Amino acid sequence: MIHSQMEDAGYQIRQQVLNPNQRQQLEDNRRIKEQMEQLQKDNASPTRLYLRKMKVQADVNLLDHHDSFYHTTKSLLVLFQIMGVMPIVRSPPGVNMPRTTFNWGSRAFIWAYLIYAIETVYVVLVAKERINKFISNSDKRFDEIIYNIIFMSIMVPHFLLPTASWRNGAEVAKFKNMWTDYQYKYLVVTGKPIVFPKLYPITWALCVVSWGVSIAVIMSQYYLQPDFQLWHTFAYYHIIAMLNGFCSLWFVNCTAFGEASKAFAAELSNIFATDRPADKLTEYRHLWVDLSHMMQQLGNKSGQTLLGYS
């Protein structure tokens, strides 16, 4: 015990006479020595030092309360549910299950089936009439022929919805849950929640713009093309709005990743400014790995969706 006290006294003296970099190096050497002594006692593998801590199941109410990403982007999720584009469901408060779920037999999916069936019948009727007019009338100008081909091709994404969007519903729900879990981990490690102050107005604006652009584009063609009847326009609104919505979702996720990365960088800078940053660096490393994995998942799923529509 006397020997240990003498070592501590010598360590404190050295801490006082060394510069900050030398003190940090001395601290690191001491921590390595302590870890090696612990390894000799435990006879364990050195990889144990770099493993994540055992995950503790968080309370679902805490997950909901600190899920800022869901609360700020909820409007786009609800819009996709109404349109039948992505029928994922948020779990009720207090229910001990993943916060976002996807089920082929859920009420949201039954609504998606119904709305898609109605839209399909309408789109087929419009497509059939436009094709018949296109074939029967050979006196059209070249620009009218091009416009007819373009607007018939716009109908194609509607028929790709089940394979390009619904098929990835489980992965989208998983991605949403990754965001929920990450925000809670960030709160536990840093002591501060992630906030997205810009996302709420951006998401609402994109919801309005998605449909506004769709209506503006189709109505302009209704007035510019003589054979474009008013009842034909209703076959296009949801298709263009859906494509705009996918672009909006990609933009929202990228904006959220930017905000999360800035918050992470600021907290990491604060940690480096402390006396003993090494104690927290492992946890921050795991946070960065999780955030990078989520970015990779966004790229993969966005690529699959775009490939399905291309």
Protein backbone atom coordinates (compact mmCIF):
# COMPACT_ATOMS: atom_id res chain seq x y z
CA MET A 1 0.00 0.00 0.00
CA ILE A 2 2.90 2.35 0.86
CA HIS A 3 4.47 1.53 -2.51
CA SER A 4 1.19 2.40 -4.28
CA GLN A 5 0.95 5.72 -2.43
CA MET A 6 4.53 6.56 -3.39
CA GLU A 7 3.75 5.80 -7.05
CA ASP A 8 0.67 8.04 -6.93
CA ALA A 9 2.68 10.85 -5.31
CA GLY A 10 5.36 10.57 -7.98
CA TYR A 11 2.69 10.52 -10.68
CA GLN A 12 1.12 13.73 -9.33
CA ILE A 13 4.51 15.47 -9.19
CA ARG A 14 5.23 14.53 -12.80
CA GLN A 15 1.80 15.78 -13.81
CA GLN A 16 2.63 19.20 -12.38
CA VAL A 17 5.99 19.66 -14.15
CA LEU A 18 5.05 18.25 -17.58
CA ASN A 19 3.42 20.13 -20.42
CA PRO A 20 -0.13 19.13 -21.57
CA ASN A 21 1.07 16.77 -24.33
CA GLN A 22 3.50 15.03 -21.99
CA ARG A 23 0.81 14.73 -19.33
CA GLN A 24 -1.55 13.16 -21.87
CA GLN A 25 1.13 10.69 -22.94
CA LEU A 26 1.84 9.84 -19.31
CA GLU A 27 -1.87 9.33 -18.70
CA ASP A 28 -2.18 7.06 -21.75
CA ASN A 29 0.84 5.00 -20.67
CA ARG A 30 -0.64 4.59 -17.23
CA ARG A 31 -4.00 3.48 -18.63
CA ILE A 32 -2.29 0.96 -20.92
CA LYS A 33 -0.33 -0.41 -17.98
CA GLU A 34 -3.52 -0.77 -15.93
CA GLN A 35 -5.27 -2.53 -18.81
CA MET A 36 -2.38 -4.95 -19.32
CA GLU A 37 -2.37 -5.77 -15.61
CA GLN A 38 -6.11 -6.37 -15.76
CA LEU A 39 -5.65 -8.64 -18.78
CA GLN A 40 -3.08 -10.70 -16.91
CA LYS A 41 -5.52 -11.14 -14.05
CA ASP A 42 -8.50 -11.96 -16.27
CA ASN A 43 -6.54 -13.91 -18.89
CA ALA A 44 -8.82 -12.29 -21.48
CA SER A 45 -8.33 -11.23 -25.08
CA PRO A 46 -7.24 -7.62 -25.74
CA THR A 47 -10.24 -7.20 -28.03
CA ARG A 48 -12.40 -7.02 -24.91
CA LEU A 49 -11.16 -3.45 -24.45
CA TYR A 50 -12.78 -2.37 -27.71
CA LEU A 51 -16.09 -4.21 -27.47
CA ARG A 52 -19.32 -2.30 -27.08
CA LYS A 53 -20.96 -2.22 -23.73
CA MET A 54 -23.86 -4.60 -23.28
CA LYS A 55 -26.93 -3.01 -24.80
CA VAL A 56 -29.60 -2.07 -22.29
CA GLN A 57 -33.19 -2.13 -23.52
CA ALA A 58 -34.45 1.44 -23.41
CA ASP A 59 -37.93 2.34 -22.26
CA VAL A 60 -40.23 2.83 -25.25
CA ASN A 61 -41.55 6.07 -23.79
CA LEU A 62 -38.01 7.46 -23.68
CA LEU A 63 -37.43 6.35 -27.26
CA ASP A 64 -40.59 8.12 -28.38
CA HIS A 65 -39.82 11.26 -26.40
CA HIS A 66 -36.31 11.67 -27.80
CA ASP A 67 -37.10 10.59 -31.38
CA SER A 68 -36.74 14.07 -32.81
CA PHE A 69 -36.24 12.74 -36.34
CA TYR A 70 -39.67 11.09 -36.34
CA HIS A 71 -41.47 14.08 -34.80
CA THR A 72 -39.98 16.56 -37.27
CA THR A 73 -40.52 14.41 -40.39
CA LYS A 74 -43.87 12.88 -39.43
CA SER A 75 -45.76 14.90 -42.05
CA LEU A 76 -43.95 13.20 -44.93
CA LEU A 77 -44.55 9.76 -43.41
CA VAL A 78 -48.28 10.47 -43.04
CA LEU A 79 -48.43 11.77 -46.63
CA PHE A 80 -46.87 8.53 -47.89
CA GLN A 81 -49.41 6.53 -45.86
CA ILE A 82 -52.34 8.49 -47.32
CA MET A 83 -50.99 8.05 -50.85
CA GLY A 84 -50.38 4.32 -50.24
CA VAL A 85 -46.74 4.73 -51.24
CA MET A 86 -45.04 3.44 -48.08
CA PRO A 87 -47.50 1.94 -45.55
CA ILE A 88 -45.16 1.70 -42.56
CA VAL A 89 -46.77 2.24 -39.15
CA ARG A 90 -45.62 3.91 -35.95
CA SER A 91 -46.18 1.69 -32.90
CA PRO A 92 -48.59 3.06 -30.26
CA PRO A 93 -47.04 4.76 -27.20
CA GLY A 94 -46.13 2.37 -24.40
CA VAL A 95 -46.22 -0.76 -26.58
CA ASN A 96 -42.99 -2.73 -26.15
CA MET A 97 -42.18 -3.39 -29.79
CA PRO A 98 -40.10 -1.72 -32.54
CA ARG A 99 -41.22 1.88 -32.84
CA THR A 100 -41.77 1.62 -36.61
CA THR A 101 -43.20 -1.55 -38.14
CA PHE A 102 -44.15 -2.93 -41.53
CA ASN A 103 -46.80 -5.61 -41.95
CA TRP A 104 -48.42 -6.83 -45.15
CA GLY A 105 -51.71 -7.28 -43.28
CA SER A 106 -51.81 -4.00 -41.36
CA ARG A 107 -54.62 -1.48 -41.73
CA ALA A 108 -52.20 0.92 -43.42
CA PHE A 109 -51.38 -1.72 -45.99
CA ILE A 110 -55.03 -2.60 -46.58
CA TRP A 111 -55.60 1.10 -47.31
CA ALA A 112 -52.60 1.05 -49.66
CA TYR A 113 -54.09 -1.97 -51.50
CA LEU A 114 -57.43 -0.19 -51.86
CA ILE A 115 -56.10 3.18 -53.03
CA TYR A 116 -53.65 1.51 -55.41
CA ALA A 117 -56.41 -0.63 -56.95
CA ILE A 118 -58.61 2.43 -57.57
CA GLU A 119 -55.72 4.39 -59.04
CA THR A 120 -54.72 1.46 -61.24
CA VAL A 121 -58.19 1.18 -62.78
CA TYR A 122 -58.23 4.91 -63.48
CA VAL A 123 -54.68 4.96 -64.92
CA VAL A 124 -55.45 2.00 -67.20
CA LEU A 125 -58.59 3.70 -68.54
CA VAL A 126 -56.71 6.93 -69.29
CA ALA A 127 -53.78 5.06 -70.82
CA LYS A 128 -56.09 3.01 -73.02
CA GLU A 129 -57.87 6.09 -74.38
CA ARG A 130 -54.66 8.03 -74.99
CA ILE A 131 -53.10 5.07 -76.82
CA ASN A 132 -56.18 4.62 -78.99
CA LYS A 133 -56.21 8.31 -79.90
CA PHE A 134 -52.50 8.23 -80.59
CA ILE A 135 -52.85 5.26 -82.95
CA SER A 136 -56.01 6.42 -84.73
CA ASN A 137 -54.86 9.99 -85.42
CA SER A 138 -51.96 10.12 -87.88
CA ASP A 139 -52.11 13.89 -88.52
CA LYS A 140 -50.44 14.97 -85.28
CA ARG A 141 -47.46 17.30 -85.29
CA PHE A 142 -44.08 16.00 -84.21
CA ASP A 143 -44.11 17.88 -80.87
CA GLU A 144 -47.57 16.50 -80.06
CA ILE A 145 -46.32 12.97 -80.71
CA ILE A 146 -43.35 13.51 -78.38
CA TYR A 147 -45.58 14.92 -75.63
CA ASN A 148 -47.94 11.97 -75.95
CA ILE A 149 -45.08 9.49 -75.61
CA ILE A 150 -43.68 11.35 -72.60
CA PHE A 151 -46.98 11.47 -70.76
CA MET A 152 -47.74 7.84 -71.47
CA SER A 153 -44.31 6.90 -70.08
CA ILE A 154 -45.05 8.89 -66.91
CA MET A 155 -47.72 6.30 -66.11
CA VAL A 156 -45.14 3.50 -65.88
CA PRO A 157 -43.89 4.32 -62.33
CA HIS A 158 -47.40 3.72 -61.00
CA PHE A 159 -47.21 0.05 -61.95
CA LEU A 160 -43.75 -0.31 -60.38
CA LEU A 161 -44.94 0.81 -56.94
CA PRO A 162 -45.42 -2.70 -55.42
CA THR A 163 -41.97 -3.91 -56.46
CA ALA A 164 -39.96 -0.70 -56.10
CA SER A 165 -41.52 0.64 -52.89
CA TRP A 166 -43.64 -1.88 -50.98
CA ARG A 167 -41.04 -4.60 -51.35
CA ASN A 168 -38.57 -2.46 -49.39
CA GLY A 169 -41.05 -1.60 -46.64
CA ALA A 170 -39.42 -3.83 -44.02
CA GLU A 171 -36.01 -2.27 -44.69
CA VAL A 172 -37.47 1.25 -44.49
CA ALA A 173 -39.01 0.43 -41.09
CA LYS A 174 -35.66 -0.98 -39.97
CA PHE A 175 -33.93 2.21 -41.09
CA LYS A 176 -36.44 4.32 -39.14
CA ASN A 177 -35.76 2.23 -36.03
CA MET A 178 -32.02 2.70 -36.53
CA TRP A 179 -32.60 6.46 -36.36
CA THR A 180 -34.66 6.03 -33.18
CA ASP A 181 -32.01 3.88 -31.47
CA TYR A 182 -29.16 6.14 -32.58
CA GLN A 183 -30.76 9.24 -31.08
CA TYR A 184 -31.14 7.46 -27.73
CA LYS A 185 -27.52 6.23 -27.83
CA TYR A 186 -26.39 9.76 -28.61
CA LEU A 187 -28.33 11.06 -25.62
CA VAL A 188 -26.80 8.46 -23.29
CA VAL A 189 -23.22 9.09 -24.46
CA THR A 190 -23.26 12.89 -24.77
CA GLY A 191 -25.99 13.79 -22.30
CA LYS A 192 -27.65 15.95 -24.97
CA PRO A 193 -30.43 15.09 -27.45
CA ILE A 194 -30.07 15.57 -31.18
CA VAL A 195 -32.37 18.30 -32.46
CA PHE A 196 -33.35 19.05 -36.03
CA PRO A 197 -34.73 22.61 -35.93
CA LYS A 198 -34.82 23.01 -39.71
CA LEU A 199 -36.46 19.69 -40.61
CA TYR A 200 -40.00 20.45 -39.44
CA PRO A 201 -40.63 23.44 -41.77
CA ILE A 202 -38.58 21.82 -44.55
CA THR A 203 -40.63 18.61 -44.44
CA TRP A 204 -43.97 20.44 -44.45
CA ALA A 205 -42.82 22.65 -47.31
CA LEU A 206 -41.70 19.63 -49.34
CA CYS A 207 -45.06 17.92 -48.80
CA VAL A 208 -46.85 20.96 -50.22
CA VAL A 209 -44.32 21.48 -53.01
CA SER A 210 -44.51 17.82 -54.09
CA TRP A 211 -48.21 18.12 -54.84
CA GLY A 212 -48.02 21.75 -55.95
CA VAL A 213 -45.44 20.98 -58.63
CA SER A 214 -47.44 17.96 -59.75
CA ILE A 215 -50.65 19.95 -60.18
CA ALA A 216 -48.85 22.84 -61.88
CA VAL A 217 -47.09 20.58 -64.41
CA ILE A 218 -50.18 18.58 -65.34
CA MET A 219 -52.53 21.57 -65.54
CA SER A 220 -50.09 23.42 -67.77
CA GLN A 221 -50.14 20.48 -70.17
CA TYR A 222 -53.95 20.41 -69.99
CA TYR A 223 -54.03 23.98 -71.32
CA LEU A 224 -51.19 23.50 -73.82
CA GLN A 225 -52.25 20.18 -75.37
CA PRO A 226 -55.60 20.24 -77.20
CA ASP A 227 -56.25 16.50 -76.74
CA PHE A 228 -55.38 16.48 -73.02
CA GLN A 229 -58.79 16.21 -71.37
CA LEU A 230 -59.46 17.34 -67.81
CA TRP A 231 -60.37 13.88 -66.53
CA HIS A 232 -57.03 12.60 -67.85
CA THR A 233 -55.15 14.88 -65.47
CA PHE A 234 -56.28 12.93 -62.40
CA ALA A 235 -54.30 9.91 -63.57
CA TYR A 236 -51.03 11.83 -63.26
CA TYR A 237 -51.21 13.89 -60.07
CA HIS A 238 -50.36 11.09 -57.63
CA ILE A 239 -47.59 9.69 -59.85
CA ILE A 240 -45.60 12.90 -60.12
CA ALA A 241 -46.30 13.71 -56.45
CA MET A 242 -44.97 10.26 -55.52
CA LEU A 243 -41.73 10.80 -57.45
CA ASN A 244 -41.37 14.25 -55.89
CA GLY A 245 -41.97 12.67 -52.49
CA PHE A 246 -39.15 10.17 -52.95
CA CYS A 247 -36.79 13.02 -53.83
CA SER A 248 -38.04 14.94 -50.79
CA LEU A 249 -37.44 11.95 -48.53
CA TRP A 250 -33.89 11.61 -49.79
CA PHE A 251 -33.26 15.33 -49.18
CA VAL A 252 -34.74 15.16 -45.67
CA ASN A 253 -32.54 12.20 -44.72
CA CYS A 254 -29.41 13.86 -46.09
CA THR A 255 -30.23 17.05 -44.18
CA ALA A 256 -30.75 15.03 -40.99
CA PHE A 257 -27.41 13.28 -41.44
CA GLY A 258 -25.75 16.66 -41.91
CA GLU A 259 -27.26 17.99 -38.69
CA ALA A 260 -26.34 14.82 -36.76
CA SER A 261 -22.77 14.92 -38.06
CA LYS A 262 -22.35 18.57 -37.04
CA ALA A 263 -23.68 17.83 -33.56
CA PHE A 264 -21.36 14.83 -33.26
CA ALA A 265 -18.34 16.88 -34.38
CA ALA A 266 -19.13 19.61 -31.85
CA GLU A 267 -19.42 17.12 -28.99
CA LEU A 268 -16.23 15.37 -30.06
CA SER A 269 -14.37 18.69 -30.01
CA ASN A 270 -15.63 19.29 -26.49
CA ILE A 271 -14.36 15.87 -25.42
CA PHE A 272 -10.89 16.57 -26.80
CA ALA A 273 -10.81 19.75 -24.74
CA THR A 274 -11.22 17.79 -21.48
CA ASP A 275 -8.37 16.45 -19.35
CA ARG A 276 -9.05 12.75 -20.01
CA PRO A 277 -10.67 12.35 -23.45
CA ALA A 278 -9.57 8.73 -23.90
CA ASP A 279 -12.21 7.51 -21.46
CA LYS A 280 -15.03 8.57 -23.84
CA LEU A 281 -13.43 8.11 -27.25
CA THR A 282 -14.47 4.46 -27.56
CA GLU A 283 -18.14 5.36 -27.07
CA TYR A 284 -17.86 8.19 -29.58
CA ARG A 285 -16.22 5.82 -32.03
CA HIS A 286 -19.23 3.50 -31.78
CA LEU A 287 -21.56 6.44 -32.38
CA TRP A 288 -19.67 7.38 -35.52
CA VAL A 289 -19.70 3.77 -36.77
CA ASP A 290 -23.47 3.62 -36.26
CA LEU A 291 -24.01 6.91 -38.08
CA SER A 292 -21.79 5.79 -40.97
CA HIS A 293 -23.71 2.51 -41.20
CA MET A 294 -27.00 4.41 -41.39
CA MET A 295 -25.63 6.58 -44.20
CA GLN A 296 -24.61 3.44 -46.06
CA GLN A 297 -28.08 1.96 -45.61
CA LEU A 298 -29.66 5.15 -46.96
CA GLY A 299 -27.47 4.95 -50.06
CA ASN A 300 -28.28 1.28 -50.62
CA LYS A 301 -32.05 1.67 -50.24
CA SER A 302 -32.20 4.87 -52.28
CA GLY A 303 -30.21 3.15 -55.01
CA GLN A 304 -32.56 0.15 -55.03
CA THR A 305 -35.64 2.39 -55.24
CA LEU A 306 -34.21 4.51 -58.04
CA LEU A 307 -33.07 1.38 -59.87
CA GLY A 308 -36.60 0.01 -59.64
CA TYR A 309 -38.00 3.17 -61.26
CA SER A 310 -35.24 3.63 -63.82
